[in-house]
All heavy atoms as atom14 arrays in JSON, in Angstrom:
{
  "sequence": "ASNIKSRVNRQSVLGAITSALQRLKLYSKVPPNGLVLYTGTIVTEEG",
  "atom14_mask": [
    [1, 1, 1, 1, 1, 0, 0, 0, 0, 0, 0, 0, 0, 0],
    [1, 1, 1, 1, 1, 1, 0, 0, 0, 0, 0, 0, 0, 0],
    [1, 1, 1, 1, 1, 1, 1, 1, 0, 0, 0, 0, 0, 0],
    [1, 1, 1, 1, 1, 1, 1, 1, 0, 0, 0, 0, 0, 0],
    [1, 1, 1, 1, 1, 1, 1, 1, 1, 0, 0, 0, 0, 0],
    [1, 1, 1, 1, 1, 1, 0, 0, 0, 0, 0, 0, 0, 0],
    [1, 1, 1, 1, 1, 1, 1, 1, 1, 1, 1, 0, 0, 0],
    [1, 1, 1, 1, 1, 1, 1, 0, 0, 0, 0, 0, 0, 0],
    [1, 1, 1, 1, 1, 1, 1, 1, 0, 0, 0, 0, 0, 0],
    [1, 1, 1, 1, 1, 1, 1, 1, 1, 1, 1, 0, 0, 0],
    [1, 1, 1, 1, 1, 1, 1, 1, 1, 0, 0, 0, 0, 0],
    [1, 1, 1, 1, 1, 1, 0, 0, 0, 0, 0, 0, 0, 0],
    [1, 1, 1, 1, 1, 1, 1, 0, 0, 0, 0, 0, 0, 0],
    [1, 1, 1, 1, 1, 1, 1, 1, 0, 0, 0, 0, 0, 0],
    [1, 1, 1, 1, 0, 0, 0, 0, 0, 0, 0, 0, 0, 0],
    [1, 1, 1, 1, 1, 0, 0, 0, 0, 0, 0, 0, 0, 0],
    [1, 1, 1, 1, 1, 1, 1, 1, 0, 0, 0, 0, 0, 0],
    [1, 1, 1, 1, 1, 1, 1, 0, 0, 0, 0, 0, 0, 0],
    [1, 1, 1, 1, 1, 1, 0, 0, 0, 0, 0, 0, 0, 0],
    [1, 1, 1, 1, 1, 0, 0, 0, 0, 0, 0, 0, 0, 0],
    [1, 1, 1, 1, 1, 1, 1, 1, 0, 0, 0, 0, 0, 0],
    [1, 1, 1, 1, 1, 1, 1, 1, 1, 0, 0, 0, 0, 0],
    [1, 1, 1, 1, 1, 1, 1, 1, 1, 1, 1, 0, 0, 0],
    [1, 1, 1, 1, 1, 1, 1, 1, 0, 0, 0, 0, 0, 0],
    [1, 1, 1, 1, 1, 1, 1, 1, 1, 0, 0, 0, 0, 0],
    [1, 1, 1, 1, 1, 1, 1, 1, 0, 0, 0, 0, 0, 0],
    [1, 1, 1, 1, 1, 1, 1, 1, 1, 1, 1, 1, 0, 0],
    [1, 1, 1, 1, 1, 1, 0, 0, 0, 0, 0, 0, 0, 0],
    [1, 1, 1, 1, 1, 1, 1, 1, 1, 0, 0, 0, 0, 0],
    [1, 1, 1, 1, 1, 1, 1, 0, 0, 0, 0, 0, 0, 0],
    [1, 1, 1, 1, 1, 1, 1, 0, 0, 0, 0, 0, 0, 0],
    [1, 1, 1, 1, 1, 1, 1, 0, 0, 0, 0, 0, 0, 0],
    [1, 1, 1, 1, 1, 1, 1, 1, 0, 0, 0, 0, 0, 0],
    [1, 1, 1, 1, 0, 0, 0, 0, 0, 0, 0, 0, 0, 0],
    [1, 1, 1, 1, 1, 1, 1, 1, 0, 0, 0, 0, 0, 0],
    [1, 1, 1, 1, 1, 1, 1, 0, 0, 0, 0, 0, 0, 0],
    [1, 1, 1, 1, 1, 1, 1, 1, 0, 0, 0, 0, 0, 0],
    [1, 1, 1, 1, 1, 1, 1, 1, 1, 1, 1, 1, 0, 0],
    [1, 1, 1, 1, 1, 1, 1, 0, 0, 0, 0, 0, 0, 0],
    [1, 1, 1, 1, 0, 0, 0, 0, 0, 0, 0, 0, 0, 0],
    [1, 1, 1, 1, 1, 1, 1, 0, 0, 0, 0, 0, 0, 0],
    [1, 1, 1, 1, 1, 1, 1, 1, 0, 0, 0, 0, 0, 0],
    [1, 1, 1, 1, 1, 1, 1, 0, 0, 0, 0, 0, 0, 0],
    [1, 1, 1, 1, 1, 1, 1, 0, 0, 0, 0, 0, 0, 0],
    [1, 1, 1, 1, 1, 1, 1, 1, 1, 0, 0, 0, 0, 0],
    [1, 1, 1, 1, 1, 1, 1, 1, 1, 0, 0, 0, 0, 0],
    [1, 1, 1, 1, 0, 0, 0, 0, 0, 0, 0, 0, 0, 0]
  ],
  "atom14_positions": [
    [[20.57, 11.76, 8.58], [20.72, 12.44, 7.32], [21.78, 13.54, 7.39], [22.39, 13.93, 6.36], [19.43, 13.08, 6.85], [0.0, 0.0, 0.0], [0.0, 0.0, 0.0], [0.0, 0.0, 0.0], [0.0, 0.0, 0.0], [0.0, 0.0, 0.0], [0.0, 0.0, 0.0], [0.0, 0.0, 0.0], [0.0, 0.0, 0.0], [0.0, 0.0, 0.0]],
    [[22.09, 14.0, 8.62], [23.12, 15.04, 8.77], [24.51, 14.52, 8.33], [25.42, 15.3, 8.17], [23.17, 15.55, 10.2], [21.88, 16.1, 10.54], [0.0, 0.0, 0.0], [0.0, 0.0, 0.0], [0.0, 0.0, 0.0], [0.0, 0.0, 0.0], [0.0, 0.0, 0.0], [0.0, 0.0, 0.0], [0.0, 0.0, 0.0], [0.0, 0.0, 0.0]],
    [[24.66, 13.2, 8.27], [25.98, 12.62, 7.91], [26.09, 12.33, 6.43], [27.13, 11.75, 6.03], [26.14, 11.33, 8.71], [26.16, 11.57, 10.2], [26.76, 12.52, 10.67], [25.56, 10.65, 10.98], [0.0, 0.0, 0.0], [0.0, 0.0, 0.0], [0.0, 0.0, 0.0], [0.0, 0.0, 0.0], [0.0, 0.0, 0.0], [0.0, 0.0, 0.0]],
    [[25.09, 12.67, 5.63], [25.18, 12.43, 4.15], [26.33, 13.28, 3.62], [26.44, 14.52, 3.91], [23.81, 12.79, 3.45], [22.7, 11.91, 4.0], [23.99, 12.7, 1.97], [21.37, 12.18, 3.41], [0.0, 0.0, 0.0], [0.0, 0.0, 0.0], [0.0, 0.0, 0.0], [0.0, 0.0, 0.0], [0.0, 0.0, 0.0], [0.0, 0.0, 0.0]],
    [[27.18, 12.67, 2.88], [28.42, 13.31, 2.37], [28.1, 14.42, 1.39], [28.66, 15.53, 1.43], [29.34, 12.34, 1.76], [29.95, 11.39, 2.77], [30.97, 10.39, 2.16], [31.51, 9.45, 3.21], [32.55, 8.51, 2.6], [0.0, 0.0, 0.0], [0.0, 0.0, 0.0], [0.0, 0.0, 0.0], [0.0, 0.0, 0.0], [0.0, 0.0, 0.0]],
    [[27.21, 14.13, 0.45], [26.89, 15.18, -0.59], [26.12, 16.34, 0.03], [25.06, 16.16, 0.62], [25.99, 14.51, -1.72], [25.44, 15.52, -2.58], [0.0, 0.0, 0.0], [0.0, 0.0, 0.0], [0.0, 0.0, 0.0], [0.0, 0.0, 0.0], [0.0, 0.0, 0.0], [0.0, 0.0, 0.0], [0.0, 0.0, 0.0], [0.0, 0.0, 0.0]],
    [[26.63, 17.53, -0.09], [26.09, 18.71, 0.53], [24.67, 19.0, -0.04], [23.7, 19.27, 0.68], [26.94, 19.94, 0.3], [26.42, 21.2, 1.03], [27.34, 22.36, 0.69], [27.35, 22.66, -0.72], [26.43, 23.42, -1.28], [25.4, 23.96, -0.61], [26.47, 23.68, -2.57], [0.0, 0.0, 0.0], [0.0, 0.0, 0.0], [0.0, 0.0, 0.0]],
    [[24.59, 18.9, -1.36], [23.27, 19.18, -1.99], [22.2, 18.2, -1.59], [21.12, 18.58, -1.17], [23.42, 19.2, -3.51], [22.1, 19.37, -4.23], [24.39, 20.3, -3.99], [0.0, 0.0, 0.0], [0.0, 0.0, 0.0], [0.0, 0.0, 0.0], [0.0, 0.0, 0.0], [0.0, 0.0, 0.0], [0.0, 0.0, 0.0], [0.0, 0.0, 0.0]],
    [[22.54, 16.9, -1.62], [21.57, 15.86, -1.24], [21.26, 15.98, 0.27], [20.12, 15.8, 0.67], [22.14, 14.49, -1.57], [21.08, 13.39, -1.41], [19.91, 13.62, -1.67], [21.52, 12.24, -0.97], [0.0, 0.0, 0.0], [0.0, 0.0, 0.0], [0.0, 0.0, 0.0], [0.0, 0.0, 0.0], [0.0, 0.0, 0.0], [0.0, 0.0, 0.0]],
    [[22.28, 16.28, 1.05], [22.05, 16.41, 2.53], [21.06, 17.55, 2.84], [20.13, 17.37, 3.63], [23.38, 16.69, 3.23], [23.22, 16.82, 4.74], [24.56, 16.95, 5.44], [25.27, 18.19, 5.12], [26.36, 18.26, 4.34], [26.9, 17.18, 3.86], [26.9, 19.48, 4.06], [0.0, 0.0, 0.0], [0.0, 0.0, 0.0], [0.0, 0.0, 0.0]],
    [[21.23, 18.64, 2.17], [20.34, 19.8, 2.39], [18.89, 19.47, 2.01], [17.98, 19.86, 2.62], [20.9, 21.06, 1.7], [22.17, 21.61, 2.35], [22.71, 22.84, 1.6], [22.29, 23.05, 0.43], [23.57, 23.54, 2.25], [0.0, 0.0, 0.0], [0.0, 0.0, 0.0], [0.0, 0.0, 0.0], [0.0, 0.0, 0.0], [0.0, 0.0, 0.0]],
    [[18.79, 18.81, 0.85], [17.48, 18.45, 0.32], [16.77, 17.51, 1.27], [15.54, 17.68, 1.51], [17.61, 17.79, -1.08], [18.13, 18.77, -1.98], [0.0, 0.0, 0.0], [0.0, 0.0, 0.0], [0.0, 0.0, 0.0], [0.0, 0.0, 0.0], [0.0, 0.0, 0.0], [0.0, 0.0, 0.0], [0.0, 0.0, 0.0], [0.0, 0.0, 0.0]],
    [[17.48, 16.45, 1.77], [16.88, 15.53, 2.62], [16.49, 16.11, 3.95], [15.38, 15.98, 4.51], [17.81, 14.29, 2.88], [17.19, 13.39, 3.96], [18.08, 13.58, 1.57], [0.0, 0.0, 0.0], [0.0, 0.0, 0.0], [0.0, 0.0, 0.0], [0.0, 0.0, 0.0], [0.0, 0.0, 0.0], [0.0, 0.0, 0.0], [0.0, 0.0, 0.0]],
    [[17.4, 16.98, 4.53], [17.1, 17.62, 5.76], [15.92, 18.57, 5.63], [15.08, 18.68, 6.52], [18.34, 18.4, 6.25], [19.53, 17.57, 6.68], [20.76, 18.46, 7.08], [19.13, 16.67, 7.91], [0.0, 0.0, 0.0], [0.0, 0.0, 0.0], [0.0, 0.0, 0.0], [0.0, 0.0, 0.0], [0.0, 0.0, 0.0], [0.0, 0.0, 0.0]],
    [[15.88, 19.23, 4.47], [14.7, 20.18, 4.19], [13.41, 19.42, 4.12], [12.37, 19.9, 4.66], [0.0, 0.0, 0.0], [0.0, 0.0, 0.0], [0.0, 0.0, 0.0], [0.0, 0.0, 0.0], [0.0, 0.0, 0.0], [0.0, 0.0, 0.0], [0.0, 0.0, 0.0], [0.0, 0.0, 0.0], [0.0, 0.0, 0.0], [0.0, 0.0, 0.0]],
    [[13.43, 18.23, 3.46], [12.17, 17.41, 3.34], [11.72, 16.93, 4.75], [10.56, 16.94, 5.07], [12.44, 16.23, 2.39], [0.0, 0.0, 0.0], [0.0, 0.0, 0.0], [0.0, 0.0, 0.0], [0.0, 0.0, 0.0], [0.0, 0.0, 0.0], [0.0, 0.0, 0.0], [0.0, 0.0, 0.0], [0.0, 0.0, 0.0], [0.0, 0.0, 0.0]],
    [[12.71, 16.49, 5.57], [12.31, 15.99, 6.86], [11.77, 17.11, 7.75], [10.79, 16.94, 8.46], [13.57, 15.32, 7.59], [13.99, 14.07, 6.81], [13.27, 15.02, 9.03], [15.27, 13.45, 7.38], [0.0, 0.0, 0.0], [0.0, 0.0, 0.0], [0.0, 0.0, 0.0], [0.0, 0.0, 0.0], [0.0, 0.0, 0.0], [0.0, 0.0, 0.0]],
    [[12.37, 18.3, 7.6], [11.9, 19.49, 8.34], [10.49, 19.81, 7.94], [9.62, 20.16, 8.76], [12.82, 20.7, 8.08], [14.15, 20.36, 8.57], [12.3, 21.91, 8.87], [0.0, 0.0, 0.0], [0.0, 0.0, 0.0], [0.0, 0.0, 0.0], [0.0, 0.0, 0.0], [0.0, 0.0, 0.0], [0.0, 0.0, 0.0], [0.0, 0.0, 0.0]],
    [[10.18, 19.81, 6.6], [8.87, 20.08, 6.12], [7.83, 19.06, 6.63], [6.75, 19.46, 7.02], [8.85, 20.04, 4.56], [9.68, 21.05, 4.06], [0.0, 0.0, 0.0], [0.0, 0.0, 0.0], [0.0, 0.0, 0.0], [0.0, 0.0, 0.0], [0.0, 0.0, 0.0], [0.0, 0.0, 0.0], [0.0, 0.0, 0.0], [0.0, 0.0, 0.0]],
    [[8.22, 17.8, 6.73], [7.36, 16.75, 7.26], [7.04, 17.02, 8.7], [5.88, 16.89, 9.15], [7.96, 15.35, 7.02], [0.0, 0.0, 0.0], [0.0, 0.0, 0.0], [0.0, 0.0, 0.0], [0.0, 0.0, 0.0], [0.0, 0.0, 0.0], [0.0, 0.0, 0.0], [0.0, 0.0, 0.0], [0.0, 0.0, 0.0], [0.0, 0.0, 0.0]],
    [[8.09, 17.35, 9.47], [7.86, 17.58, 10.9], [7.0, 18.79, 11.12], [6.09, 18.8, 12.01], [9.24, 17.86, 11.59], [10.1, 16.6, 11.78], [11.51, 17.02, 12.18], [9.47, 15.69, 12.85], [0.0, 0.0, 0.0], [0.0, 0.0, 0.0], [0.0, 0.0, 0.0], [0.0, 0.0, 0.0], [0.0, 0.0, 0.0], [0.0, 0.0, 0.0]],
    [[7.15, 19.85, 10.36], [6.32, 21.02, 10.48], [4.84, 20.74, 10.12], [3.96, 21.24, 10.79], [6.86, 22.15, 9.6], [8.16, 22.74, 10.04], [8.75, 23.76, 9.11], [8.37, 23.88, 7.97], [9.74, 24.51, 9.57], [0.0, 0.0, 0.0], [0.0, 0.0, 0.0], [0.0, 0.0, 0.0], [0.0, 0.0, 0.0], [0.0, 0.0, 0.0]],
    [[4.66, 19.95, 9.1], [3.3, 19.6, 8.71], [2.59, 18.76, 9.75], [1.39, 18.87, 9.98], [3.29, 18.93, 7.33], [1.93, 18.83, 6.67], [1.23, 20.19, 6.56], [1.99, 21.12, 5.77], [1.76, 21.43, 4.49], [0.78, 20.78, 3.88], [2.48, 22.27, 3.88], [0.0, 0.0, 0.0], [0.0, 0.0, 0.0], [0.0, 0.0, 0.0]],
    [[3.35, 17.83, 10.37], [2.73, 16.99, 11.38], [2.33, 17.75, 12.62], [1.39, 17.3, 13.39], [3.74, 15.89, 11.82], [3.99, 14.77, 10.81], [5.03, 13.83, 11.31], [2.72, 14.02, 10.46], [0.0, 0.0, 0.0], [0.0, 0.0, 0.0], [0.0, 0.0, 0.0], [0.0, 0.0, 0.0], [0.0, 0.0, 0.0], [0.0, 0.0, 0.0]],
    [[2.91, 18.94, 12.8], [2.49, 19.77, 13.95], [1.05, 20.28, 13.86], [0.43, 20.67, 14.82], [3.43, 20.99, 14.07], [4.84, 20.65, 14.54], [5.71, 21.86, 14.66], [7.13, 21.52, 15.13], [8.02, 22.73, 15.2], [0.0, 0.0, 0.0], [0.0, 0.0, 0.0], [0.0, 0.0, 0.0], [0.0, 0.0, 0.0], [0.0, 0.0, 0.0]],
    [[0.49, 20.18, 12.63], [-0.87, 20.61, 12.4], [-1.9, 19.56, 12.83], [-3.1, 19.84, 12.87], [-1.1, 20.98, 10.92], [-0.2, 21.95, 10.29], [-0.48, 22.12, 8.8], [-0.38, 23.32, 10.99], [0.0, 0.0, 0.0], [0.0, 0.0, 0.0], [0.0, 0.0, 0.0], [0.0, 0.0, 0.0], [0.0, 0.0, 0.0], [0.0, 0.0, 0.0]],
    [[-1.38, 18.35, 13.18], [-2.25, 17.29, 13.6], [-2.04, 16.93, 15.04], [-0.91, 16.65, 15.46], [-2.04, 16.02, 12.72], [-2.39, 16.2, 11.24], [-1.39, 16.71, 10.38], [-3.56, 15.9, 10.75], [-1.67, 16.91, 9.04], [-3.91, 16.12, 9.43], [-2.95, 16.57, 8.55], [-3.26, 16.76, 7.23], [0.0, 0.0, 0.0], [0.0, 0.0, 0.0]],
    [[-3.13, 16.89, 15.83], [-2.99, 16.43, 17.21], [-3.08, 14.95, 17.36], [-2.52, 14.34, 18.27], [-4.15, 17.07, 18.04], [-5.41, 16.63, 17.53], [0.0, 0.0, 0.0], [0.0, 0.0, 0.0], [0.0, 0.0, 0.0], [0.0, 0.0, 0.0], [0.0, 0.0, 0.0], [0.0, 0.0, 0.0], [0.0, 0.0, 0.0], [0.0, 0.0, 0.0]],
    [[-3.68, 14.29, 16.31], [-3.75, 12.81, 16.23], [-3.95, 12.43, 14.79], [-4.33, 13.24, 13.95], [-4.84, 12.29, 17.1], [-6.22, 12.71, 16.73], [-7.3, 12.15, 17.66], [-8.68, 12.54, 17.22], [-9.69, 11.99, 18.08], [0.0, 0.0, 0.0], [0.0, 0.0, 0.0], [0.0, 0.0, 0.0], [0.0, 0.0, 0.0], [0.0, 0.0, 0.0]],
    [[-3.75, 11.16, 14.54], [-3.92, 10.63, 13.13], [-5.44, 10.59, 12.89], [-6.22, 10.11, 13.71], [-3.33, 9.18, 13.01], [-3.54, 8.61, 11.7], [-1.8, 9.24, 13.33], [0.0, 0.0, 0.0], [0.0, 0.0, 0.0], [0.0, 0.0, 0.0], [0.0, 0.0, 0.0], [0.0, 0.0, 0.0], [0.0, 0.0, 0.0], [0.0, 0.0, 0.0]],
    [[-5.9, 11.08, 11.71], [-7.28, 11.07, 11.37], [-7.83, 9.62, 11.32], [-7.05, 8.61, 11.19], [-7.29, 11.73, 9.96], [-6.05, 12.53, 9.97], [-5.04, 11.82, 10.74], [0.0, 0.0, 0.0], [0.0, 0.0, 0.0], [0.0, 0.0, 0.0], [0.0, 0.0, 0.0], [0.0, 0.0, 0.0], [0.0, 0.0, 0.0], [0.0, 0.0, 0.0]],
    [[-9.17, 9.46, 11.4], [-9.81, 8.1, 11.38], [-9.41, 7.22, 10.25], [-9.32, 5.96, 10.44], [-11.26, 8.44, 11.35], [-11.39, 9.8, 11.91], [-10.14, 10.55, 11.54], [0.0, 0.0, 0.0], [0.0, 0.0, 0.0], [0.0, 0.0, 0.0], [0.0, 0.0, 0.0], [0.0, 0.0, 0.0], [0.0, 0.0, 0.0], [0.0, 0.0, 0.0]],
    [[-9.15, 7.78, 9.09], [-8.78, 6.98, 7.87], [-7.27, 6.86, 7.67], [-6.82, 6.28, 6.68], [-9.44, 7.49, 6.61], [-10.95, 7.22, 6.57], [-11.41, 6.34, 7.36], [-11.64, 7.89, 5.71], [0.0, 0.0, 0.0], [0.0, 0.0, 0.0], [0.0, 0.0, 0.0], [0.0, 0.0, 0.0], [0.0, 0.0, 0.0], [0.0, 0.0, 0.0]],
    [[-6.54, 7.47, 8.58], [-5.09, 7.5, 8.45], [-4.59, 8.82, 7.92], [-5.37, 9.75, 7.63], [0.0, 0.0, 0.0], [0.0, 0.0, 0.0], [0.0, 0.0, 0.0], [0.0, 0.0, 0.0], [0.0, 0.0, 0.0], [0.0, 0.0, 0.0], [0.0, 0.0, 0.0], [0.0, 0.0, 0.0], [0.0, 0.0, 0.0], [0.0, 0.0, 0.0]],
    [[-3.3, 8.95, 7.66], [-2.68, 10.18, 7.14], [-1.65, 9.85, 6.12], [-0.79, 8.93, 6.3], [-2.05, 10.94, 8.3], [-1.36, 12.26, 7.99], [-2.36, 13.24, 7.41], [-0.71, 12.85, 9.24], [0.0, 0.0, 0.0], [0.0, 0.0, 0.0], [0.0, 0.0, 0.0], [0.0, 0.0, 0.0], [0.0, 0.0, 0.0], [0.0, 0.0, 0.0]],
    [[-1.71, 10.57, 5.05], [-0.76, 10.43, 3.91], [0.0, 11.71, 3.71], [-0.65, 12.79, 3.64], [-1.47, 10.02, 2.61], [-0.43, 9.84, 1.49], [-2.23, 8.73, 2.78], [0.0, 0.0, 0.0], [0.0, 0.0, 0.0], [0.0, 0.0, 0.0], [0.0, 0.0, 0.0], [0.0, 0.0, 0.0], [0.0, 0.0, 0.0], [0.0, 0.0, 0.0]],
    [[1.32, 11.66, 3.62], [2.11, 12.86, 3.46], [3.24, 12.6, 2.48], [3.99, 11.67, 2.61], [2.72, 13.32, 4.83], [3.35, 14.66, 4.9], [3.26, 15.21, 6.36], [4.82, 14.63, 4.47], [0.0, 0.0, 0.0], [0.0, 0.0, 0.0], [0.0, 0.0, 0.0], [0.0, 0.0, 0.0], [0.0, 0.0, 0.0], [0.0, 0.0, 0.0]],
    [[3.31, 13.52, 1.49], [4.42, 13.51, 0.5], [5.07, 14.84, 0.54], [4.42, 15.88, 0.45], [3.9, 13.25, -0.91], [3.31, 11.83, -1.11], [1.94, 11.67, -1.11], [4.12, 10.73, -1.36], [1.38, 10.4, -1.27], [3.58, 9.47, -1.5], [2.2, 9.35, -1.48], [1.7, 8.1, -1.63], [0.0, 0.0, 0.0], [0.0, 0.0, 0.0]],
    [[6.4, 14.83, 0.67], [7.13, 16.14, 0.7], [8.55, 15.91, 0.15], [9.13, 14.8, 0.23], [7.22, 16.69, 2.12], [7.82, 17.98, 2.11], [7.96, 15.77, 3.08], [0.0, 0.0, 0.0], [0.0, 0.0, 0.0], [0.0, 0.0, 0.0], [0.0, 0.0, 0.0], [0.0, 0.0, 0.0], [0.0, 0.0, 0.0], [0.0, 0.0, 0.0]],
    [[9.09, 16.99, -0.41], [10.44, 16.89, -0.97], [10.66, 17.9, -2.05], [9.82, 18.77, -2.34], [0.0, 0.0, 0.0], [0.0, 0.0, 0.0], [0.0, 0.0, 0.0], [0.0, 0.0, 0.0], [0.0, 0.0, 0.0], [0.0, 0.0, 0.0], [0.0, 0.0, 0.0], [0.0, 0.0, 0.0], [0.0, 0.0, 0.0], [0.0, 0.0, 0.0]],
    [[11.83, 17.8, -2.67], [12.19, 18.68, -3.78], [12.18, 17.95, -5.06], [12.85, 16.97, -5.23], [13.62, 19.25, -3.53], [13.68, 19.93, -2.27], [14.0, 20.23, -4.61], [0.0, 0.0, 0.0], [0.0, 0.0, 0.0], [0.0, 0.0, 0.0], [0.0, 0.0, 0.0], [0.0, 0.0, 0.0], [0.0, 0.0, 0.0], [0.0, 0.0, 0.0]],
    [[11.33, 18.37, -5.96], [11.17, 17.73, -7.25], [11.83, 18.58, -8.38], [12.03, 19.79, -8.17], [9.71, 17.44, -7.64], [8.93, 18.78, -7.84], [9.02, 16.61, -6.58], [7.53, 18.62, -8.34], [0.0, 0.0, 0.0], [0.0, 0.0, 0.0], [0.0, 0.0, 0.0], [0.0, 0.0, 0.0], [0.0, 0.0, 0.0], [0.0, 0.0, 0.0]],
    [[12.11, 18.01, -9.51], [12.68, 18.7, -10.64], [11.57, 18.89, -11.68], [10.96, 17.88, -12.09], [13.85, 17.92, -11.21], [14.4, 18.65, -12.47], [14.92, 17.69, -10.16], [0.0, 0.0, 0.0], [0.0, 0.0, 0.0], [0.0, 0.0, 0.0], [0.0, 0.0, 0.0], [0.0, 0.0, 0.0], [0.0, 0.0, 0.0], [0.0, 0.0, 0.0]],
    [[11.27, 20.11, -12.03], [10.19, 20.44, -12.97], [10.64, 20.08, -14.43], [11.81, 19.76, -14.68], [9.8, 21.86, -12.89], [10.92, 22.71, -13.33], [9.44, 22.28, -11.48], [0.0, 0.0, 0.0], [0.0, 0.0, 0.0], [0.0, 0.0, 0.0], [0.0, 0.0, 0.0], [0.0, 0.0, 0.0], [0.0, 0.0, 0.0], [0.0, 0.0, 0.0]],
    [[9.71, 20.17, -15.34], [10.01, 19.94, -16.78], [11.04, 20.92, -17.29], [11.78, 20.63, -18.24], [8.75, 20.0, -17.6], [7.77, 18.85, -17.25], [6.52, 18.92, -18.13], [6.38, 19.92, -18.93], [5.67, 18.02, -18.06], [0.0, 0.0, 0.0], [0.0, 0.0, 0.0], [0.0, 0.0, 0.0], [0.0, 0.0, 0.0], [0.0, 0.0, 0.0]],
    [[11.09, 22.08, -16.65], [12.05, 23.12, -17.09], [13.45, 22.92, -16.47], [14.39, 23.69, -16.74], [11.55, 24.52, -16.75], [10.26, 24.95, -17.5], [9.05, 24.25, -16.9], [9.13, 23.88, -15.74], [8.06, 24.19, -17.62], [0.0, 0.0, 0.0], [0.0, 0.0, 0.0], [0.0, 0.0, 0.0], [0.0, 0.0, 0.0], [0.0, 0.0, 0.0]],
    [[13.56, 21.8, -15.63], [14.82, 21.54, -15.01], [15.06, 22.3, -13.72], [16.19, 22.28, -13.17], [0.0, 0.0, 0.0], [0.0, 0.0, 0.0], [0.0, 0.0, 0.0], [0.0, 0.0, 0.0], [0.0, 0.0, 0.0], [0.0, 0.0, 0.0], [0.0, 0.0, 0.0], [0.0, 0.0, 0.0], [0.0, 0.0, 0.0], [0.0, 0.0, 0.0]]
  ]
}
Protein backbone atom coordinates (compact mmCIF):
# COMPACT_ATOMS: atom_id res chain seq x y z
CA ALA A 1 0.00 0.00 0.00
CA SER A 2 2.97 2.33 0.43
CA ASN A 3 3.23 2.40 -3.36
CA ILE A 4 -0.31 3.73 -3.94
CA LYS A 5 0.04 6.86 -6.08
CA SER A 6 -2.84 8.85 -4.59
CA ARG A 7 -1.58 10.44 -1.38
CA VAL A 8 -5.00 10.67 0.22
CA ASN A 9 -5.94 7.06 -0.60
CA ARG A 10 -2.46 5.85 0.42
CA GLN A 11 -2.71 7.48 3.83
CA SER A 12 -6.23 6.13 4.38
CA VAL A 13 -5.25 2.57 3.48
CA LEU A 14 -2.08 2.67 5.58
CA GLY A 15 -4.08 4.08 8.48
CA ALA A 16 -6.65 1.27 8.20
CA ILE A 17 -3.96 -1.42 8.11
CA THR A 18 -2.24 0.16 11.12
CA SER A 19 -5.54 0.18 13.04
CA ALA A 20 -6.09 -3.51 12.20
CA LEU A 21 -2.59 -4.42 13.37
CA GLN A 22 -3.03 -2.52 16.62
CA ARG A 23 -6.37 -4.17 17.32
CA LEU A 24 -4.97 -7.65 16.66
CA LYS A 25 -2.37 -7.03 19.39
CA LEU A 26 -5.24 -7.33 21.88
CA TYR A 27 -5.68 -11.00 20.96
CA SER A 28 -3.22 -13.75 21.90
CA LYS A 29 -5.16 -16.20 19.73
CA VAL A 30 -8.27 -16.40 17.56
CA PRO A 31 -11.43 -16.87 19.73
CA PRO A 32 -13.30 -20.22 19.54
CA ASN A 33 -15.92 -18.84 17.13
CA GLY A 34 -13.45 -16.89 15.02
CA LEU A 35 -12.71 -13.18 14.81
CA VAL A 36 -14.36 -10.44 12.74
CA LEU A 37 -12.73 -7.04 12.26
CA TYR A 38 -13.88 -4.00 10.28
CA THR A 39 -11.76 -0.88 10.16
CA GLY A 40 -11.26 2.14 7.94
CA THR A 41 -12.29 5.68 7.16
CA ILE A 42 -15.94 6.20 6.29
CA VAL A 43 -17.75 9.27 4.99
CA THR A 44 -20.62 10.43 7.21
CA GLU A 45 -23.95 11.84 6.01
CA GLU A 46 -22.51 15.30 6.62
CA GLY A 47 -19.67 14.52 4.22
